[in-house]
Amino acid sequence: MTLSNSDHPNTSQLSYRDAGVDIDAGDRLVENIKPFAKRTLRPEVLTGIGGFGALFEISKKYQNPVLVSGTDGVGTKLKLAFQLNQHDSIGIDLVAMSVNDILVQGAEPLFFLDYFACGKLNVETATAVISGVAKGCELAGCALIGGETAEMPGMYPHDEYDLAGFAVGIVEKDRIISGATIQEGDIVLGLASSGAHSNGYSLIRKIVENNRVDLSTDFHGKTLADTIMMPTRIYVKPLLELIKQLPVKGLAHITGGGLVENVPRILPNQFMAVLQKDTWEMPPLFHWLQQQGNVADHEMARVFNCGIGMVIVAAPDHAENALRSLRASGETVWQIGEIKPRTNNQAATVLV
């Protein structure tokens, strides 16, 4: 059967751009981010941005290498980035969430890939985001080796996007940090966070909304917006240096679940971590959030990091040297607790 012209609703030519996808904008973005990616390159990178896949050679310095991988996003912190039109640091958060996770097993991050998805590509915004990703990779010492930009009309609201990140690291098999050797009397150290990092932002946004907070208000020398959006601290370089110097028994990245739910992930079942709340200074942001939201102490400790972004467990005779090494690397760190025996009906993390 032959269709007449009247059977066709529209005989004009259509392009991909007419459908909402701008290939030229995607090409411009790739060119924009190449200089950022170039600054992150490591000697093991064989091919980088622009190909179908990126090649990375495992260094021959490893005798029995184990690859460690992690993936994450930045949650609803993105909503505040949209609201504030503040996109240049959210990429640091993206890198931090994955590289800090693989770091806890003693892994050196090797390379990172990002996934940026939007309804309509804004090249300026995407460039700002991915420049932040590259900055995070520089802080972590890993290569931004590739990624994907997906323009999907109708999938996302105007001027919004989503992010995901993927990190791969490496560790010698006999140097994997698992927590298995943790025992009674071991010391718990806490590294300061830079703020709320990338967790608890649904509650933060609710507190801001309910109290009709003006985020441009001065807050201890910065705007409240800048305080809330402070990027996640990346602990890779100081902790890798520490691991070279001293045997570390356990590391816990304090993300969603706070201290009470993340520290137990590295503890043998028969032990608990007893943490002294008066041993570190909870930043003003958390006091403000608790007061403005009328948030209970227990809820604070299981939603937010409350000032501790990474926990280290070490033997008592190594604790002082660990504190000294970390402070020399520019970290703020405290001795915050001790490992003690645990019975079945006790919590694995106790804050006293």
C-alpha atoms as a PDB file:
ATOM      1  CA  MET A   1       0.000   0.000   0.000  1.00  0.00           C
ATOM      2  CA  THR A   2       1.320   3.461  -0.879  1.00  0.00           C
ATOM      3  CA  LEU A   3       0.757   6.364   1.540  1.00  0.00           C
ATOM      4  CA  SER A   4      -0.289   9.698   0.105  1.00  0.00           C
ATOM      5  CA  ASN A   5       1.164  12.956   1.369  1.00  0.00           C
ATOM      6  CA  SER A   6      -2.023  13.542   3.355  1.00  0.00           C
ATOM      7  CA  ASP A   7      -1.279  10.381   5.371  1.00  0.00           C
ATOM      8  CA  HIS A   8       1.945  11.945   6.713  1.00  0.00           C
ATOM      9  CA  PRO A   9       1.391  14.369   9.620  1.00  0.00           C
ATOM     10  CA  ASN A  10       4.635  16.255   8.872  1.00  0.00           C
ATOM     11  CA  THR A  11       6.866  15.973   5.817  1.00  0.00           C
ATOM     12  CA  SER A  12       9.565  18.437   7.017  1.00  0.00           C
ATOM     13  CA  GLN A  13      12.984  17.070   7.884  1.00  0.00           C
ATOM     14  CA  LEU A  14      13.837  16.480  11.552  1.00  0.00           C
ATOM     15  CA  SER A  15      17.255  16.516  13.207  1.00  0.00           C
ATOM     16  CA  TYR A  16      18.502  15.188  16.517  1.00  0.00           C
ATOM     17  CA  ARG A  17      18.638  18.800  17.716  1.00  0.00           C
ATOM     18  CA  ASP A  18      14.933  19.160  16.885  1.00  0.00           C
ATOM     19  CA  ALA A  19      14.346  16.188  19.184  1.00  0.00           C
ATOM     20  CA  GLY A  20      16.243  17.932  21.977  1.00  0.00           C
ATOM     21  CA  VAL A  21      19.767  16.493  21.679  1.00  0.00           C
ATOM     22  CA  ASP A  22      22.585  18.849  20.673  1.00  0.00           C
ATOM     23  CA  ILE A  23      25.554  16.786  19.452  1.00  0.00           C
ATOM     24  CA  ASP A  24      27.597  19.941  18.855  1.00  0.00           C
ATOM     25  CA  ALA A  25      27.128  20.987  22.506  1.00  0.00           C
ATOM     26  CA  GLY A  26      28.385  17.582  23.591  1.00  0.00           C
ATOM     27  CA  ASP A  27      31.453  17.979  21.396  1.00  0.00           C
ATOM     28  CA  ARG A  28      32.141  21.415  22.887  1.00  0.00           C
ATOM     29  CA  LEU A  29      31.926  19.956  26.377  1.00  0.00           C
ATOM     30  CA  VAL A  30      34.460  17.246  25.545  1.00  0.00           C
ATOM     31  CA  GLU A  31      36.884  19.878  24.268  1.00  0.00           C
ATOM     32  CA  ASN A  32      36.283  22.022  27.364  1.00  0.00           C
ATOM     33  CA  ILE A  33      37.076  19.255  29.818  1.00  0.00           C
ATOM     34  CA  LYS A  34      40.164  17.832  28.094  1.00  0.00           C
ATOM     35  CA  PRO A  35      42.535  20.329  29.814  1.00  0.00           C
ATOM     36  CA  PHE A  36      41.043  19.465  33.223  1.00  0.00           C
ATOM     37  CA  ALA A  37      41.454  15.749  32.609  1.00  0.00           C
ATOM     38  CA  LYS A  38      45.005  16.228  31.349  1.00  0.00           C
ATOM     39  CA  ARG A  39      46.051  17.663  34.728  1.00  0.00           C
ATOM     40  CA  THR A  40      44.986  14.425  36.439  1.00  0.00           C
ATOM     41  CA  LEU A  41      46.915  11.992  34.235  1.00  0.00           C
ATOM     42  CA  ARG A  42      49.143   9.328  35.744  1.00  0.00           C
ATOM     43  CA  PRO A  43      51.944   7.453  33.935  1.00  0.00           C
ATOM     44  CA  GLU A  44      49.782   4.321  33.755  1.00  0.00           C
ATOM     45  CA  VAL A  45      47.158   6.006  31.557  1.00  0.00           C
ATOM     46  CA  LEU A  46      47.462   4.786  27.971  1.00  0.00           C
ATOM     47  CA  THR A  47      44.383   6.473  26.514  1.00  0.00           C
ATOM     48  CA  GLY A  48      42.091   9.074  27.974  1.00  0.00           C
ATOM     49  CA  ILE A  49      39.084  11.284  27.252  1.00  0.00           C
ATOM     50  CA  GLY A  50      37.375  10.923  23.883  1.00  0.00           C
ATOM     51  CA  GLY A  51      37.715   7.255  23.011  1.00  0.00           C
ATOM     52  CA  PHE A  52      35.222   4.430  23.397  1.00  0.00           C
ATOM     53  CA  GLY A  53      37.146   3.108  26.390  1.00  0.00           C
ATOM     54  CA  ALA A  54      40.133   4.206  28.452  1.00  0.00           C
ATOM     55  CA  LEU A  55      43.211   2.038  28.929  1.00  0.00           C
ATOM     56  CA  PHE A  56      45.135   1.916  32.186  1.00  0.00           C
ATOM     57  CA  GLU A  57      48.225  -0.202  32.790  1.00  0.00           C
ATOM     58  CA  ILE A  58      48.780  -1.702  36.246  1.00  0.00           C
ATOM     59  CA  SER A  59      52.185  -0.680  37.555  1.00  0.00           C
ATOM     60  CA  LYS A  60      54.765  -3.420  37.900  1.00  0.00           C
ATOM     61  CA  LYS A  61      55.636  -2.168  41.387  1.00  0.00           C
ATOM     62  CA  TYR A  62      52.792  -4.343  42.725  1.00  0.00           C
ATOM     63  CA  GLN A  63      53.589  -7.978  43.504  1.00  0.00           C
ATOM     64  CA  ASN A  64      50.082  -9.318  44.179  1.00  0.00           C
ATOM     65  CA  PRO A  65      47.679  -6.525  43.281  1.00  0.00           C
ATOM     66  CA  VAL A  66      43.992  -6.486  44.148  1.00  0.00           C
ATOM     67  CA  LEU A  67      41.658  -3.999  42.456  1.00  0.00           C
ATOM     68  CA  VAL A  68      39.126  -2.220  44.669  1.00  0.00           C
ATOM     69  CA  SER A  69      36.140  -0.448  43.090  1.00  0.00           C
ATOM     70  CA  GLY A  70      33.467   1.913  44.331  1.00  0.00           C
ATOM     71  CA  THR A  71      30.573   3.930  42.951  1.00  0.00           C
ATOM     72  CA  ASP A  72      28.408   6.674  44.419  1.00  0.00           C
ATOM     73  CA  GLY A  73      26.588   9.918  43.793  1.00  0.00           C
ATOM     74  CA  VAL A  74      26.096  13.068  45.846  1.00  0.00           C
ATOM     75  CA  GLY A  75      22.421  12.670  46.749  1.00  0.00           C
ATOM     76  CA  THR A  76      20.091  15.617  47.211  1.00  0.00           C
ATOM     77  CA  LYS A  77      22.975  18.015  47.747  1.00  0.00           C
ATOM     78  CA  LEU A  78      22.430  18.468  44.015  1.00  0.00           C
ATOM     79  CA  LYS A  79      19.099  20.172  44.750  1.00  0.00           C
ATOM     80  CA  LEU A  80      20.903  22.903  46.652  1.00  0.00           C
ATOM     81  CA  ALA A  81      23.465  23.210  43.847  1.00  0.00           C
ATOM     82  CA  PHE A  82      20.575  23.888  41.439  1.00  0.00           C
ATOM     83  CA  GLN A  83      18.910  26.326  43.840  1.00  0.00           C
ATOM     84  CA  LEU A  84      22.122  28.268  44.474  1.00  0.00           C
ATOM     85  CA  ASN A  85      23.465  27.929  40.904  1.00  0.00           C
ATOM     86  CA  GLN A  86      26.669  26.656  42.513  1.00  0.00           C
ATOM     87  CA  HIS A  87      28.182  23.855  40.406  1.00  0.00           C
ATOM     88  CA  ASP A  88      31.966  24.147  40.641  1.00  0.00           C
ATOM     89  CA  SER A  89      32.480  22.076  43.811  1.00  0.00           C
ATOM     90  CA  ILE A  90      29.830  19.375  43.518  1.00  0.00           C
ATOM     91  CA  GLY A  91      32.255  17.333  41.378  1.00  0.00           C
ATOM     92  CA  ILE A  92      34.704  17.253  44.291  1.00  0.00           C
ATOM     93  CA  ASP A  93      31.937  15.682  46.375  1.00  0.00           C
ATOM     94  CA  LEU A  94      31.377  13.101  43.662  1.00  0.00           C
ATOM     95  CA  VAL A  95      35.006  12.000  43.620  1.00  0.00           C
ATOM     96  CA  ALA A  96      35.327  12.100  47.407  1.00  0.00           C
ATOM     97  CA  MET A  97      32.432   9.738  48.042  1.00  0.00           C
ATOM     98  CA  SER A  98      33.995   6.975  45.948  1.00  0.00           C
ATOM     99  CA  VAL A  99      37.709   7.439  46.614  1.00  0.00           C
ATOM    100  CA  ASN A 100      37.230   7.715  50.380  1.00  0.00           C
ATOM    101  CA  ASP A 101      35.214   4.497  50.273  1.00  0.00           C
ATOM    102  CA  ILE A 102      37.897   2.465  48.507  1.00  0.00           C
ATOM    103  CA  LEU A 103      40.600   4.085  50.626  1.00  0.00           C
ATOM    104  CA  VAL A 104      39.279   2.377  53.773  1.00  0.00           C
ATOM    105  CA  GLN A 105      40.569  -0.963  52.474  1.00  0.00           C
ATOM    106  CA  GLY A 106      44.016   0.526  51.977  1.00  0.00           C
ATOM    107  CA  ALA A 107      43.562   1.085  48.243  1.00  0.00           C
ATOM    108  CA  GLU A 108      45.315   3.823  46.287  1.00  0.00           C
ATOM    109  CA  PRO A 109      42.787   5.306  43.824  1.00  0.00           C
ATOM    110  CA  LEU A 110      44.021   4.840  40.255  1.00  0.00           C
ATOM    111  CA  PHE A 111      41.332   6.263  38.029  1.00  0.00           C
ATOM    112  CA  PHE A 112      37.855   7.752  38.058  1.00  0.00           C
ATOM    113  CA  LEU A 113      34.967   7.950  35.598  1.00  0.00           C
ATOM    114  CA  ASP A 114      31.921  10.189  35.817  1.00  0.00           C
ATOM    115  CA  TYR A 115      28.387   9.979  34.449  1.00  0.00           C
ATOM    116  CA  PHE A 116      26.591  13.291  33.842  1.00  0.00           C
ATOM    117  CA  ALA A 117      22.952  13.086  32.743  1.00  0.00           C
ATOM    118  CA  CYS A 118      20.595  15.959  31.898  1.00  0.00           C
ATOM    119  CA  GLY A 119      17.529  16.853  29.871  1.00  0.00           C
ATOM    120  CA  LYS A 120      19.226  19.605  27.870  1.00  0.00           C
ATOM    121  CA  LEU A 121      22.970  20.088  28.024  1.00  0.00           C
ATOM    122  CA  ASN A 122      24.149  23.428  29.374  1.00  0.00           C
ATOM    123  CA  VAL A 123      27.817  23.394  28.385  1.00  0.00           C
ATOM    124  CA  GLU A 124      28.825  26.065  30.895  1.00  0.00           C
ATOM    125  CA  THR A 125      27.200  24.251  33.824  1.00  0.00           C
ATOM    126  CA  ALA A 126      28.543  20.852  32.778  1.00  0.00           C
ATOM    127  CA  THR A 127      32.040  22.290  32.366  1.00  0.00           C
ATOM    128  CA  ALA A 128      31.882  23.727  35.908  1.00  0.00           C
ATOM    129  CA  VAL A 129      30.739  20.378  37.306  1.00  0.00           C
ATOM    130  CA  ILE A 130      33.408  18.332  35.552  1.00  0.00           C
ATOM    131  CA  SER A 131      36.132  20.840  36.403  1.00  0.00           C
ATOM    132  CA  GLY A 132      35.207  20.031  40.011  1.00  0.00           C
ATOM    133  CA  VAL A 133      35.478  16.321  39.246  1.00  0.00           C
ATOM    134  CA  ALA A 134      38.979  16.927  37.895  1.00  0.00           C
ATOM    135  CA  LYS A 135      39.899  18.942  40.985  1.00  0.00           C
ATOM    136  CA  GLY A 136      38.713  16.063  43.169  1.00  0.00           C
ATOM    137  CA  CYS A 137      40.826  13.654  41.148  1.00  0.00           C
ATOM    138  CA  GLU A 138      43.878  15.874  41.629  1.00  0.00           C
ATOM    139  CA  LEU A 139      43.270  15.908  45.392  1.00  0.00           C
ATOM    140  CA  ALA A 140      42.986  12.111  45.363  1.00  0.00           C
ATOM    141  CA  GLY A 141      45.939  11.559  43.028  1.00  0.00           C
ATOM    142  CA  CYS A 142      43.872   9.578  40.537  1.00  0.00           C
ATOM    143  CA  ALA A 143      43.307  10.052  36.814  1.00  0.00           C
ATOM    144  CA  LEU A 144      40.047  11.293  35.332  1.00  0.00           C
ATOM    145  CA  ILE A 145      40.212   8.713  32.607  1.00  0.00           C
ATOM    146  CA  GLY A 146      36.786   8.960  30.982  1.00  0.00           C
ATOM    147  CA  GLY A 147      33.079   9.371  31.499  1.00  0.00           C
ATOM    148  CA  GLU A 148      29.725   9.774  29.834  1.00  0.00           C
ATOM    149  CA  THR A 149      27.522  12.787  29.160  1.00  0.00           C
ATOM    150  CA  ALA A 150      23.934  11.788  28.465  1.00  0.00           C
ATOM    151  CA  GLU A 151      21.466  14.331  27.095  1.00  0.00           C
ATOM    152  CA  MET A 152      17.963  12.878  27.495  1.00  0.00           C
ATOM    153  CA  PRO A 153      15.123  15.279  26.667  1.00  0.00           C
ATOM    154  CA  GLY A 154      12.133  14.952  28.956  1.00  0.00           C
ATOM    155  CA  MET A 155      13.954  12.946  31.620  1.00  0.00           C
ATOM    156  CA  TYR A 156      15.032  15.815  33.890  1.00  0.00           C
ATOM    157  CA  PRO A 157      13.580  19.213  34.836  1.00  0.00           C
ATOM    158  CA  HIS A 158      15.032  22.289  33.136  1.00  0.00           C
ATOM    159  CA  ASP A 159      18.581  23.142  34.321  1.00  0.00           C
ATOM    160  CA  GLU A 160      18.846  20.016  36.477  1.00  0.00           C
ATOM    161  CA  TYR A 161      21.178  17.047  36.092  1.00  0.00           C
ATOM    162  CA  ASP A 162      22.264  13.887  37.841  1.00  0.00           C
ATOM    163  CA  LEU A 163      25.739  12.644  38.672  1.00  0.00           C
ATOM    164  CA  ALA A 164      27.340   9.298  39.384  1.00  0.00           C
ATOM    165  CA  GLY A 165      30.987   8.403  39.801  1.00  0.00           C
ATOM    166  CA  PHE A 166      33.096   5.268  39.631  1.00  0.00           C
ATOM    167  CA  ALA A 167      36.552   4.810  41.182  1.00  0.00           C
ATOM    168  CA  VAL A 168      39.037   1.960  40.856  1.00  0.00           C
ATOM    169  CA  GLY A 169      41.988   1.580  43.192  1.00  0.00           C
ATOM    170  CA  ILE A 170      44.699  -0.941  43.954  1.00  0.00           C
ATOM    171  CA  VAL A 171      46.202  -2.528  47.051  1.00  0.00           C
ATOM    172  CA  GLU A 172      48.697  -5.324  47.692  1.00  0.00           C
ATOM    173  CA  LYS A 173      46.756  -8.397  48.793  1.00  0.00           C
ATOM    174  CA  ASP A 174      48.709  -8.745  52.038  1.00  0.00           C
ATOM    175  CA  ARG A 175      48.108  -5.061  52.901  1.00  0.00           C
ATOM    176  CA  ILE A 176      44.306  -5.001  52.620  1.00  0.00           C
ATOM    177  CA  ILE A 177      42.796  -3.244  55.645  1.00  0.00           C
ATOM    178  CA  SER A 178      39.796  -5.268  56.775  1.00  0.00           C
ATOM    179  CA  GLY A 179      39.403  -4.634  60.520  1.00  0.00           C
ATOM    180  CA  ALA A 180      39.956  -8.331  61.248  1.00  0.00           C
ATOM    181  CA  THR A 181      42.879  -7.658  63.635  1.00  0.00           C
ATOM    182  CA  ILE A 182      41.031  -5.072  65.750  1.00  0.00           C
ATOM    183  CA  GLN A 183      41.083  -6.030  69.437  1.00  0.00           C
ATOM    184  CA  GLU A 184      40.300  -4.743  72.909  1.00  0.00           C
ATOM    185  CA  GLY A 185      42.314  -1.680  73.879  1.00  0.00           C
ATOM    186  CA  ASP A 186      42.873  -0.412  70.337  1.00  0.00           C
ATOM    187  CA  ILE A 187      42.589   3.347  69.934  1.00  0.00           C
ATOM    188  CA  VAL A 188      39.997   5.131  67.792  1.00  0.00           C
ATOM    189  CA  LEU A 189      41.094   8.320  66.031  1.00  0.00           C
ATOM    190  CA  GLY A 190      38.782  10.718  64.236  1.00  0.00           C
ATOM    191  CA  LEU A 191      39.682  12.993  61.315  1.00  0.00           C
ATOM    192  CA  ALA A 192      37.787  16.251  61.038  1.00  0.00           C
ATOM    193  CA  SER A 193      35.183  16.612  58.330  1.00  0.00           C
ATOM    194  CA  SER A 194      34.870  19.760  56.242  1.00  0.00           C
ATOM    195  CA  GLY A 195      31.139  19.966  56.917  1.00  0.00           C
ATOM    196  CA  ALA A 196      28.136  17.792  56.165  1.00  0.00           C
ATOM    197  CA  HIS A 197      30.041  16.269  53.218  1.00  0.00           C
ATOM    198  CA  SER A 198      27.369  14.631  51.010  1.00  0.00           C
ATOM    199  CA  ASN A 199      25.019  13.073  53.543  1.00  0.00           C
ATOM    200  CA  GLY A 200      21.871  14.187  55.317  1.00  0.00           C
ATOM    201  CA  TYR A 201      20.919  16.769  52.714  1.00  0.00           C
ATOM    202  CA  SER A 202      17.265  15.798  52.565  1.00  0.00           C
ATOM    203  CA  LEU A 203      17.063  16.741  56.254  1.00  0.00           C
ATOM    204  CA  ILE A 204      19.190  19.866  55.726  1.00  0.00           C
ATOM    205  CA  ARG A 205      16.894  21.018  52.929  1.00  0.00           C
ATOM    206  CA  LYS A 206      13.832  20.338  55.097  1.00  0.00           C
ATOM    207  CA  ILE A 207      15.296  22.400  57.939  1.00  0.00           C
ATOM    208  CA  VAL A 208      16.117  25.265  55.541  1.00  0.00           C
ATOM    209  CA  GLU A 209      12.631  25.109  54.017  1.00  0.00           C
ATOM    210  CA  ASN A 210      10.721  24.873  57.305  1.00  0.00           C
ATOM    211  CA  ASN A 211      12.606  27.803  58.803  1.00  0.00           C
ATOM    212  CA  ARG A 212      12.584  29.876  55.602  1.00  0.00           C
ATOM    213  CA  VAL A 213      16.320  30.343  55.996  1.00  0.00           C
ATOM    214  CA  ASP A 214      18.119  32.985  53.949  1.00  0.00           C
ATOM    215  CA  LEU A 215      21.195  31.091  52.763  1.00  0.00           C
ATOM    216  CA  SER A 216      23.038  34.335  51.975  1.00  0.00           C
ATOM    217  CA  THR A 217      23.202  35.088  55.733  1.00  0.00           C
ATOM    218  CA  ASP A 218      26.668  35.369  57.258  1.00  0.00           C
ATOM    219  CA  PHE A 219      27.609  32.259  59.234  1.00  0.00           C
ATOM    220  CA  HIS A 220      30.927  32.377  61.100  1.00  0.00           C
ATOM    221  CA  GLY A 221      32.642  34.401  58.363  1.00  0.00           C
ATOM    222  CA  LYS A 222      31.089  32.650  55.348  1.00  0.00           C
ATOM    223  CA  THR A 223      27.633  32.628  53.895  1.00  0.00           C
ATOM    224  CA  LEU A 224      25.396  29.874  55.176  1.00  0.00           C
ATOM    225  CA  ALA A 225      25.183  28.647  51.574  1.00  0.00           C
ATOM    226  CA  ASP A 226      28.957  28.239  51.312  1.00  0.00           C
ATOM    227  CA  THR A 227      29.072  26.498  54.682  1.00  0.00           C
ATOM    228  CA  ILE A 228      26.381  24.008  53.720  1.00  0.00           C
ATOM    229  CA  MET A 229      27.894  23.426  50.255  1.00  0.00           C
ATOM    230  CA  MET A 230      31.476  22.955  51.487  1.00  0.00           C
ATOM    231  CA  PRO A 231      32.823  19.995  49.462  1.00  0.00           C
ATOM    232  CA  THR A 232      33.573  16.643  51.032  1.00  0.00           C
ATOM    233  CA  ARG A 233      37.102  16.317  52.376  1.00  0.00           C
ATOM    234  CA  ILE A 234      39.293  13.860  50.463  1.00  0.00           C
ATOM    235  CA  TYR A 235      41.525  11.921  52.857  1.00  0.00           C
ATOM    236  CA  VAL A 236      43.486   9.883  50.319  1.00  0.00           C
ATOM    237  CA  LYS A 237      46.978  11.406  50.380  1.00  0.00           C
ATOM    238  CA  PRO A 238      47.443  11.789  54.173  1.00  0.00           C
ATOM    239  CA  LEU A 239      46.044   8.328  54.879  1.00  0.00           C
ATOM    240  CA  LEU A 240      48.110   6.607  52.187  1.00  0.00           C
ATOM    241  CA  GLU A 241      51.161   8.264  53.719  1.00  0.00           C
ATOM    242  CA  LEU A 242      50.115   7.053  57.177  1.00  0.00           C
ATOM    243  CA  ILE A 243      49.598   3.494  55.923  1.00  0.00           C
ATOM    244  CA  LYS A 244      53.151   3.494  54.547  1.00  0.00           C
ATOM    245  CA  GLN A 245      54.516   4.437  57.971  1.00  0.00           C
ATOM    246  CA  LEU A 246      52.343   2.460  60.401  1.00  0.00           C
ATOM    247  CA  PRO A 247      50.093  -0.609  60.499  1.00  0.00           C
ATOM    248  CA  VAL A 248      46.488   0.638  60.483  1.00  0.00           C
ATOM    249  CA  LYS A 249      43.921  -1.905  61.690  1.00  0.00           C
ATOM    250  CA  GLY A 250      40.728  -0.314  60.445  1.00  0.00           C
ATOM    251  CA  LEU A 251      39.327   2.666  58.546  1.00  0.00           C
ATOM    252  CA  ALA A 252      35.711   3.794  58.348  1.00  0.00           C
ATOM    253  CA  HIS A 253      34.401   6.496  56.029  1.00  0.00           C
ATOM    254  CA  ILE A 254      31.641   8.315  57.918  1.00  0.00           C
ATOM    255  CA  THR A 255      28.888   8.727  55.358  1.00  0.00           C
ATOM    256  CA  GLY A 256      25.132   8.057  55.532  1.00  0.00           C
ATOM    257  CA  GLY A 257      24.426   6.415  58.883  1.00  0.00           C
ATOM    258  CA  GLY A 258      26.911   8.604  60.719  1.00  0.00           C
ATOM    259  CA  LEU A 259      29.265   7.308  63.375  1.00  0.00           C
ATOM    260  CA  VAL A 260      26.791   4.857  64.862  1.00  0.00           C
ATOM    261  CA  GLU A 261      26.276   2.867  61.656  1.00  0.00           C
ATOM    262  CA  ASN A 262      29.602   3.196  59.821  1.00  0.00           C
ATOM    263  CA  VAL A 263      32.132   2.359  62.541  1.00  0.00           C
ATOM    264  CA  PRO A 264      30.528  -1.074  63.213  1.00  0.00           C
ATOM    265  CA  ARG A 265      31.127  -2.041  59.571  1.00  0.00           C
ATOM    266  CA  ILE A 266      34.819  -2.571  60.333  1.00  0.00           C
ATOM    267  CA  LEU A 267      34.533  -4.144  63.810  1.00  0.00           C
ATOM    268  CA  PRO A 268      34.670  -7.864  64.614  1.00  0.00           C
ATOM    269  CA  ASN A 269      31.355  -8.903  66.201  1.00  0.00           C
ATOM    270  CA  GLN A 270      32.781  -9.299  69.706  1.00  0.00           C
ATOM    271  CA  PHE A 271      33.962  -5.681  69.977  1.00  0.00           C
ATOM    272  CA  MET A 272      32.438  -2.230  70.154  1.00  0.00           C
ATOM    273  CA  ALA A 273      33.768   1.292  69.776  1.00  0.00           C
ATOM    274  CA  VAL A 274      33.209   3.528  72.810  1.00  0.00           C
ATOM    275  CA  LEU A 275      33.504   7.140  71.657  1.00  0.00           C
ATOM    276  CA  GLN A 276      33.795  10.150  73.942  1.00  0.00           C
ATOM    277  CA  LYS A 277      31.711  13.008  72.548  1.00  0.00           C
ATOM    278  CA  ASP A 278      33.705  15.671  74.394  1.00  0.00           C
ATOM    279  CA  THR A 279      36.983  14.709  72.695  1.00  0.00           C
ATOM    280  CA  TRP A 280      36.287  16.540  69.450  1.00  0.00           C
ATOM    281  CA  GLU A 281      34.670  19.812  68.521  1.00  0.00           C
ATOM    282  CA  MET A 282      31.383  19.518  66.656  1.00  0.00           C
ATOM    283  CA  PRO A 283      31.380  22.298  64.008  1.00  0.00           C
ATOM    284  CA  PRO A 284      28.871  25.160  64.350  1.00  0.00           C
ATOM    285  CA  LEU A 285      26.922  23.921  61.307  1.00  0.00           C
ATOM    286  CA  PHE A 286      25.773  20.811  63.169  1.00  0.00           C
ATOM    287  CA  HIS A 287      24.794  22.771  66.272  1.00  0.00           C
ATOM    288  CA  TRP A 288      22.783  25.071  64.022  1.00  0.00           C
ATOM    289  CA  LEU A 289      21.085  22.189  62.221  1.00  0.00           C
ATOM    290  CA  GLN A 290      20.195  20.482  65.505  1.00  0.00           C
ATOM    291  CA  GLN A 291      18.775  23.672  66.975  1.00  0.00           C
ATOM    292  CA  GLN A 292      16.870  24.811  63.866  1.00  0.00           C
ATOM    293  CA  GLY A 293      15.462  21.343  63.215  1.00  0.00           C
ATOM    294  CA  ASN A 294      14.990  20.285  66.835  1.00  0.00           C
ATOM    295  CA  VAL A 295      16.873  17.095  65.956  1.00  0.00           C
ATOM    296  CA  ALA A 296      17.487  14.540  68.721  1.00  0.00           C
ATOM    297  CA  ASP A 297      21.082  13.618  69.627  1.00  0.00           C
ATOM    298  CA  HIS A 298      20.706  10.029  68.418  1.00  0.00           C
ATOM    299  CA  GLU A 299      19.210  11.171  65.121  1.00  0.00           C
ATOM    300  CA  MET A 300      22.093  13.610  64.599  1.00  0.00           C
ATOM    301  CA  ALA A 301      24.621  10.810  65.159  1.00  0.00           C
ATOM    302  CA  ARG A 302      22.988   8.486  62.619  1.00  0.00           C
ATOM    303  CA  VAL A 303      22.330  11.094  59.907  1.00  0.00           C
ATOM    304  CA  PHE A 304      25.375  13.387  60.000  1.00  0.00           C
ATOM    305  CA  ASN A 305      29.110  12.906  60.487  1.00  0.00           C
ATOM    306  CA  CYS A 306      28.942  15.523  63.302  1.00  0.00           C
ATOM    307  CA  GLY A 307      32.481  16.669  62.561  1.00  0.00           C
ATOM    308  CA  ILE A 308      34.226  13.304  62.043  1.00  0.00           C
ATOM    309  CA  GLY A 309      34.688  12.360  58.378  1.00  0.00           C
ATOM    310  CA  MET A 310      36.976   9.347  58.772  1.00  0.00           C
ATOM    311  CA  VAL A 311      37.726   6.986  61.654  1.00  0.00           C
ATOM    312  CA  ILE A 312      41.029   5.147  62.173  1.00  0.00           C
ATOM    313  CA  VAL A 313      41.608   2.203  64.506  1.00  0.00           C
ATOM    314  CA  ALA A 314      45.221   1.607  65.540  1.00  0.00           C
ATOM    315  CA  ALA A 315      47.121  -0.230  68.249  1.00  0.00           C
ATOM    316  CA  PRO A 316      47.823   1.866  71.393  1.00  0.00           C
ATOM    317  CA  ASP A 317      51.553   2.015  70.731  1.00  0.00           C
ATOM    318  CA  HIS A 318      50.967   3.457  67.241  1.00  0.00           C
ATOM    319  CA  ALA A 319      48.304   6.029  68.126  1.00  0.00           C
ATOM    320  CA  GLU A 320      50.614   8.916  69.036  1.00  0.00           C
ATOM    321  CA  ASN A 321      52.703   8.503  65.875  1.00  0.00           C
ATOM    322  CA  ALA A 322      49.519   8.343  63.805  1.00  0.00           C
ATOM    323  CA  LEU A 323      48.296  11.603  65.335  1.00  0.00           C
ATOM    324  CA  ARG A 324      51.659  13.227  64.628  1.00  0.00           C
ATOM    325  CA  SER A 325      51.756  12.021  61.004  1.00  0.00           C
ATOM    326  CA  LEU A 326      48.228  13.165  60.218  1.00  0.00           C
ATOM    327  CA  ARG A 327      48.732  16.579  61.780  1.00  0.00           C
ATOM    328  CA  ALA A 328      51.939  16.986  59.784  1.00  0.00           C
ATOM    329  CA  SER A 329      49.852  16.298  56.654  1.00  0.00           C
ATOM    330  CA  GLY A 330      47.495  19.147  57.536  1.00  0.00           C
ATOM    331  CA  GLU A 331      44.680  17.095  59.044  1.00  0.00           C
ATOM    332  CA  THR A 332      42.784  17.964  62.200  1.00  0.00           C
ATOM    333  CA  VAL A 333      42.595  14.730  64.177  1.00  0.00           C
ATOM    334  CA  TRP A 334      41.613  13.665  67.681  1.00  0.00           C
ATOM    335  CA  GLN A 335      41.788  10.542  69.817  1.00  0.00           C
ATOM    336  CA  ILE A 336      38.071   9.959  70.245  1.00  0.00           C
ATOM    337  CA  GLY A 337      37.643   6.510  71.773  1.00  0.00           C
ATOM    338  CA  GLU A 338      38.670   2.950  72.437  1.00  0.00           C
ATOM    339  CA  ILE A 339      37.711  -0.579  71.402  1.00  0.00           C
ATOM    340  CA  LYS A 340      36.079  -2.626  74.160  1.00  0.00           C
ATOM    341  CA  PRO A 341      34.442  -6.069  74.453  1.00  0.00           C
ATOM    342  CA  ARG A 342      30.802  -6.227  73.418  1.00  0.00           C
ATOM    343  CA  THR A 343      27.971  -8.465  74.492  1.00  0.00           C
ATOM    344  CA  ASN A 344      25.129  -9.411  72.169  1.00  0.00           C
ATOM    345  CA  ASN A 345      22.695  -6.835  73.547  1.00  0.00           C
ATOM    346  CA  GLN A 346      25.085  -3.874  73.315  1.00  0.00           C
ATOM    347  CA  ALA A 347      25.329  -1.451  70.414  1.00  0.00           C
ATOM    348  CA  ALA A 348      28.487  -1.709  68.314  1.00  0.00           C
ATOM    349  CA  THR A 349      29.122   2.026  68.646  1.00  0.00           C
ATOM    350  CA  VAL A 350      28.451   3.847  71.899  1.00  0.00           C
ATOM    351  CA  LEU A 351      28.740   7.623  72.270  1.00  0.00           C
ATOM    352  CA  VAL A 352      29.251   8.743  75.863  1.00  0.00           C
END
